[in-house]
Amino acid sequence: KAGPKTSAIPCNFANLDEATAATSIIEAELNALSSIKVRVDSTVTGNGDDDDLWKFMVTFLEPIGPLPLLQSNNADLSQVIQGESALSGSIVLSYEGEYTDDIMFDASARDIKTKLEALDTINEVNVN
């Protein structure tokens, strides 16, 4: 299944300066996709040779959790490190002496609304 696509991103660099300059382009193109938010480290490693390809560190800030590997029709991509979500756990909210059940850290607005409206002290609430 094909996902959203960026505009063409340069990937054949003559030297480290060109590769480093491309980090802002890579970051801008990936952040233009509506489904993700990333940060691309400005430190590029490698030398562009077949045995030492350019390496860019892309940190996915959103969404939280494991994501499929990016795909390219021009560049070789590999996953170096699968990060772990820095967030976990749940919270409990209270209103006028009543407490919700646990609300997971990544709960949707709809889930939070449902938990809050389960309280006898809340008839209806809007959660965005």
C-alpha atoms as a PDB file:
ATOM      1  CA  LYS A   1       0.000   0.000   0.000  1.00  0.00           C
ATOM      2  CA  ALA A   2       1.521   3.291  -1.075  1.00  0.00           C
ATOM      3  CA  GLY A   3       1.450   6.087   1.458  1.00  0.00           C
ATOM      4  CA  PRO A   4       1.844   9.838   1.099  1.00  0.00           C
ATOM      5  CA  LYS A   5       4.737  11.074  -1.019  1.00  0.00           C
ATOM      6  CA  THR A   6       7.167  13.950  -0.786  1.00  0.00           C
ATOM      7  CA  SER A   7       8.542  15.977  -3.636  1.00  0.00           C
ATOM      8  CA  ALA A   8      11.871  14.726  -4.994  1.00  0.00           C
ATOM      9  CA  ILE A   9      14.587  14.800  -2.342  1.00  0.00           C
ATOM     10  CA  PRO A  10      18.185  14.998  -3.568  1.00  0.00           C
ATOM     11  CA  CYS A  11      20.276  11.962  -2.645  1.00  0.00           C
ATOM     12  CA  ASN A  12      23.406  12.028  -4.844  1.00  0.00           C
ATOM     13  CA  PHE A  13      25.841  14.352  -3.135  1.00  0.00           C
ATOM     14  CA  ALA A  14      29.333  15.234  -4.329  1.00  0.00           C
ATOM     15  CA  ASN A  15      30.622  15.867  -0.812  1.00  0.00           C
ATOM     16  CA  LEU A  16      29.766  16.087   2.879  1.00  0.00           C
ATOM     17  CA  ASP A  17      28.839  19.782   2.647  1.00  0.00           C
ATOM     18  CA  GLU A  18      26.154  19.011   0.049  1.00  0.00           C
ATOM     19  CA  ALA A  19      24.839  16.103   2.109  1.00  0.00           C
ATOM     20  CA  THR A  20      24.731  18.231   5.261  1.00  0.00           C
ATOM     21  CA  ALA A  21      22.936  21.046   3.426  1.00  0.00           C
ATOM     22  CA  ALA A  22      20.260  18.548   2.377  1.00  0.00           C
ATOM     23  CA  THR A  23      19.216  17.831   5.984  1.00  0.00           C
ATOM     24  CA  SER A  24      16.942  20.884   6.032  1.00  0.00           C
ATOM     25  CA  ILE A  25      15.378  19.827   2.710  1.00  0.00           C
ATOM     26  CA  ILE A  26      14.774  16.301   3.984  1.00  0.00           C
ATOM     27  CA  GLU A  27      13.235  17.620   7.194  1.00  0.00           C
ATOM     28  CA  ALA A  28      10.996  20.113   5.353  1.00  0.00           C
ATOM     29  CA  GLU A  29       9.789  17.510   2.846  1.00  0.00           C
ATOM     30  CA  LEU A  30       8.992  14.921   5.514  1.00  0.00           C
ATOM     31  CA  ASN A  31       7.254  17.498   7.709  1.00  0.00           C
ATOM     32  CA  ALA A  32       5.129  18.536   4.736  1.00  0.00           C
ATOM     33  CA  LEU A  33       3.440  15.128   5.003  1.00  0.00           C
ATOM     34  CA  SER A  34       0.347  15.444   7.156  1.00  0.00           C
ATOM     35  CA  SER A  35       0.813  12.164   8.993  1.00  0.00           C
ATOM     36  CA  ILE A  36       4.250  12.679  10.585  1.00  0.00           C
ATOM     37  CA  LYS A  37       6.487  15.198  12.299  1.00  0.00           C
ATOM     38  CA  VAL A  38      10.255  14.661  12.232  1.00  0.00           C
ATOM     39  CA  ARG A  39      13.572  16.190  13.172  1.00  0.00           C
ATOM     40  CA  VAL A  40      16.591  15.517  10.950  1.00  0.00           C
ATOM     41  CA  ASP A  41      19.946  15.779  12.710  1.00  0.00           C
ATOM     42  CA  SER A  42      22.338  18.128  10.926  1.00  0.00           C
ATOM     43  CA  THR A  43      25.218  15.682  11.450  1.00  0.00           C
ATOM     44  CA  VAL A  44      25.620  13.453   8.394  1.00  0.00           C
ATOM     45  CA  THR A  45      27.974  10.483   8.419  1.00  0.00           C
ATOM     46  CA  GLY A  46      29.442   8.392   5.623  1.00  0.00           C
ATOM     47  CA  ASN A  47      31.241   9.477   2.474  1.00  0.00           C
ATOM     48  CA  GLY A  48      28.789   8.476  -0.247  1.00  0.00           C
ATOM     49  CA  ASP A  49      30.777   5.481  -1.477  1.00  0.00           C
ATOM     50  CA  ASP A  50      28.994   2.152  -1.941  1.00  0.00           C
ATOM     51  CA  ASP A  51      30.686   0.792   1.183  1.00  0.00           C
ATOM     52  CA  ASP A  52      29.993   3.916   3.296  1.00  0.00           C
ATOM     53  CA  LEU A  53      26.704   5.496   2.177  1.00  0.00           C
ATOM     54  CA  TRP A  54      25.485   8.854   3.487  1.00  0.00           C
ATOM     55  CA  LYS A  55      23.631   8.371   6.764  1.00  0.00           C
ATOM     56  CA  PHE A  56      20.977  10.763   8.040  1.00  0.00           C
ATOM     57  CA  MET A  57      19.436  10.473  11.495  1.00  0.00           C
ATOM     58  CA  VAL A  58      15.688  11.067  11.289  1.00  0.00           C
ATOM     59  CA  THR A  59      13.810  11.211  14.591  1.00  0.00           C
ATOM     60  CA  PHE A  60      10.049  10.772  14.343  1.00  0.00           C
ATOM     61  CA  LEU A  61       8.311  13.030  16.842  1.00  0.00           C
ATOM     62  CA  GLU A  62       4.753  12.201  15.760  1.00  0.00           C
ATOM     63  CA  PRO A  63       2.987   9.883  15.673  1.00  0.00           C
ATOM     64  CA  ILE A  64       4.221   8.094  18.762  1.00  0.00           C
ATOM     65  CA  GLY A  65       5.097   4.427  18.400  1.00  0.00           C
ATOM     66  CA  PRO A  66       6.615   2.125  15.789  1.00  0.00           C
ATOM     67  CA  LEU A  67       6.314   3.193  12.154  1.00  0.00           C
ATOM     68  CA  PRO A  68       6.958   1.342   8.915  1.00  0.00           C
ATOM     69  CA  LEU A  69      10.278   1.980   7.169  1.00  0.00           C
ATOM     70  CA  LEU A  70      10.266   4.873   4.724  1.00  0.00           C
ATOM     71  CA  GLN A  71      10.464   3.909   1.080  1.00  0.00           C
ATOM     72  CA  SER A  72      12.419   5.511  -1.754  1.00  0.00           C
ATOM     73  CA  ASN A  73      12.657   4.931  -5.471  1.00  0.00           C
ATOM     74  CA  ASN A  74      16.160   6.497  -5.641  1.00  0.00           C
ATOM     75  CA  ALA A  75      17.981   5.967  -2.352  1.00  0.00           C
ATOM     76  CA  ASP A  76      18.827   2.960  -0.210  1.00  0.00           C
ATOM     77  CA  LEU A  77      17.048   3.210   3.129  1.00  0.00           C
ATOM     78  CA  SER A  78      17.658   1.194   6.245  1.00  0.00           C
ATOM     79  CA  GLN A  79      16.526   1.317   9.805  1.00  0.00           C
ATOM     80  CA  VAL A  80      19.500   1.786  12.073  1.00  0.00           C
ATOM     81  CA  ILE A  81      17.685   2.114  15.382  1.00  0.00           C
ATOM     82  CA  GLN A  82      14.061   1.465  16.268  1.00  0.00           C
ATOM     83  CA  GLY A  83      13.361   3.999  18.960  1.00  0.00           C
ATOM     84  CA  GLU A  84      11.035   3.558  21.832  1.00  0.00           C
ATOM     85  CA  SER A  85       8.321   5.969  22.771  1.00  0.00           C
ATOM     86  CA  ALA A  86       9.446   8.231  25.578  1.00  0.00           C
ATOM     87  CA  LEU A  87       5.837   8.431  26.733  1.00  0.00           C
ATOM     88  CA  SER A  88       3.893   5.738  28.494  1.00  0.00           C
ATOM     89  CA  GLY A  89       1.407   5.243  31.256  1.00  0.00           C
ATOM     90  CA  SER A  90      -1.940   6.708  32.093  1.00  0.00           C
ATOM     91  CA  ILE A  91      -3.591   9.486  34.049  1.00  0.00           C
ATOM     92  CA  VAL A  92      -6.704   9.755  36.169  1.00  0.00           C
ATOM     93  CA  LEU A  93      -8.767  12.934  36.074  1.00  0.00           C
ATOM     94  CA  SER A  94     -11.111  14.110  38.809  1.00  0.00           C
ATOM     95  CA  TYR A  95     -14.017  16.523  38.919  1.00  0.00           C
ATOM     96  CA  GLU A  96     -16.036  17.387  42.020  1.00  0.00           C
ATOM     97  CA  GLY A  97     -14.797  14.359  43.942  1.00  0.00           C
ATOM     98  CA  GLU A  98     -15.248  11.754  41.211  1.00  0.00           C
ATOM     99  CA  TYR A  99     -12.393  10.074  39.364  1.00  0.00           C
ATOM    100  CA  THR A 100     -12.165   8.676  35.865  1.00  0.00           C
ATOM    101  CA  ASP A 101     -10.859   5.238  35.052  1.00  0.00           C
ATOM    102  CA  ASP A 102      -7.266   5.236  33.802  1.00  0.00           C
ATOM    103  CA  ILE A 103      -6.810   7.255  30.605  1.00  0.00           C
ATOM    104  CA  MET A 104      -3.881   6.061  28.505  1.00  0.00           C
ATOM    105  CA  PHE A 105      -1.224   8.634  27.570  1.00  0.00           C
ATOM    106  CA  ASP A 106      -2.128   8.359  23.880  1.00  0.00           C
ATOM    107  CA  ALA A 107      -5.905   8.331  24.300  1.00  0.00           C
ATOM    108  CA  SER A 108      -7.941  10.024  21.602  1.00  0.00           C
ATOM    109  CA  ALA A 109     -10.152  13.011  22.344  1.00  0.00           C
ATOM    110  CA  ARG A 110     -13.145  10.685  21.924  1.00  0.00           C
ATOM    111  CA  ASP A 111     -11.772   8.258  24.550  1.00  0.00           C
ATOM    112  CA  ILE A 112     -11.155  11.101  27.013  1.00  0.00           C
ATOM    113  CA  LYS A 113     -14.668  12.459  26.398  1.00  0.00           C
ATOM    114  CA  THR A 114     -16.151   9.003  27.080  1.00  0.00           C
ATOM    115  CA  LYS A 115     -14.203   8.627  30.337  1.00  0.00           C
ATOM    116  CA  LEU A 116     -15.200  12.106  31.549  1.00  0.00           C
ATOM    117  CA  GLU A 117     -18.868  11.676  30.649  1.00  0.00           C
ATOM    118  CA  ALA A 118     -18.919   8.431  32.645  1.00  0.00           C
ATOM    119  CA  LEU A 119     -18.617  10.566  35.783  1.00  0.00           C
ATOM    120  CA  ASP A 120     -21.923  11.368  37.513  1.00  0.00           C
ATOM    121  CA  THR A 121     -20.740  14.959  37.969  1.00  0.00           C
ATOM    122  CA  ILE A 122     -20.348  15.596  34.197  1.00  0.00           C
ATOM    123  CA  ASN A 123     -23.273  15.422  31.789  1.00  0.00           C
ATOM    124  CA  GLU A 124     -21.516  16.473  28.613  1.00  0.00           C
ATOM    125  CA  VAL A 125     -18.042  17.733  27.772  1.00  0.00           C
ATOM    126  CA  ASN A 126     -16.229  18.778  24.602  1.00  0.00           C
ATOM    127  CA  VAL A 127     -12.676  17.516  24.216  1.00  0.00           C
ATOM    128  CA  ASN A 128     -10.501  18.672  21.304  1.00  0.00           C
END
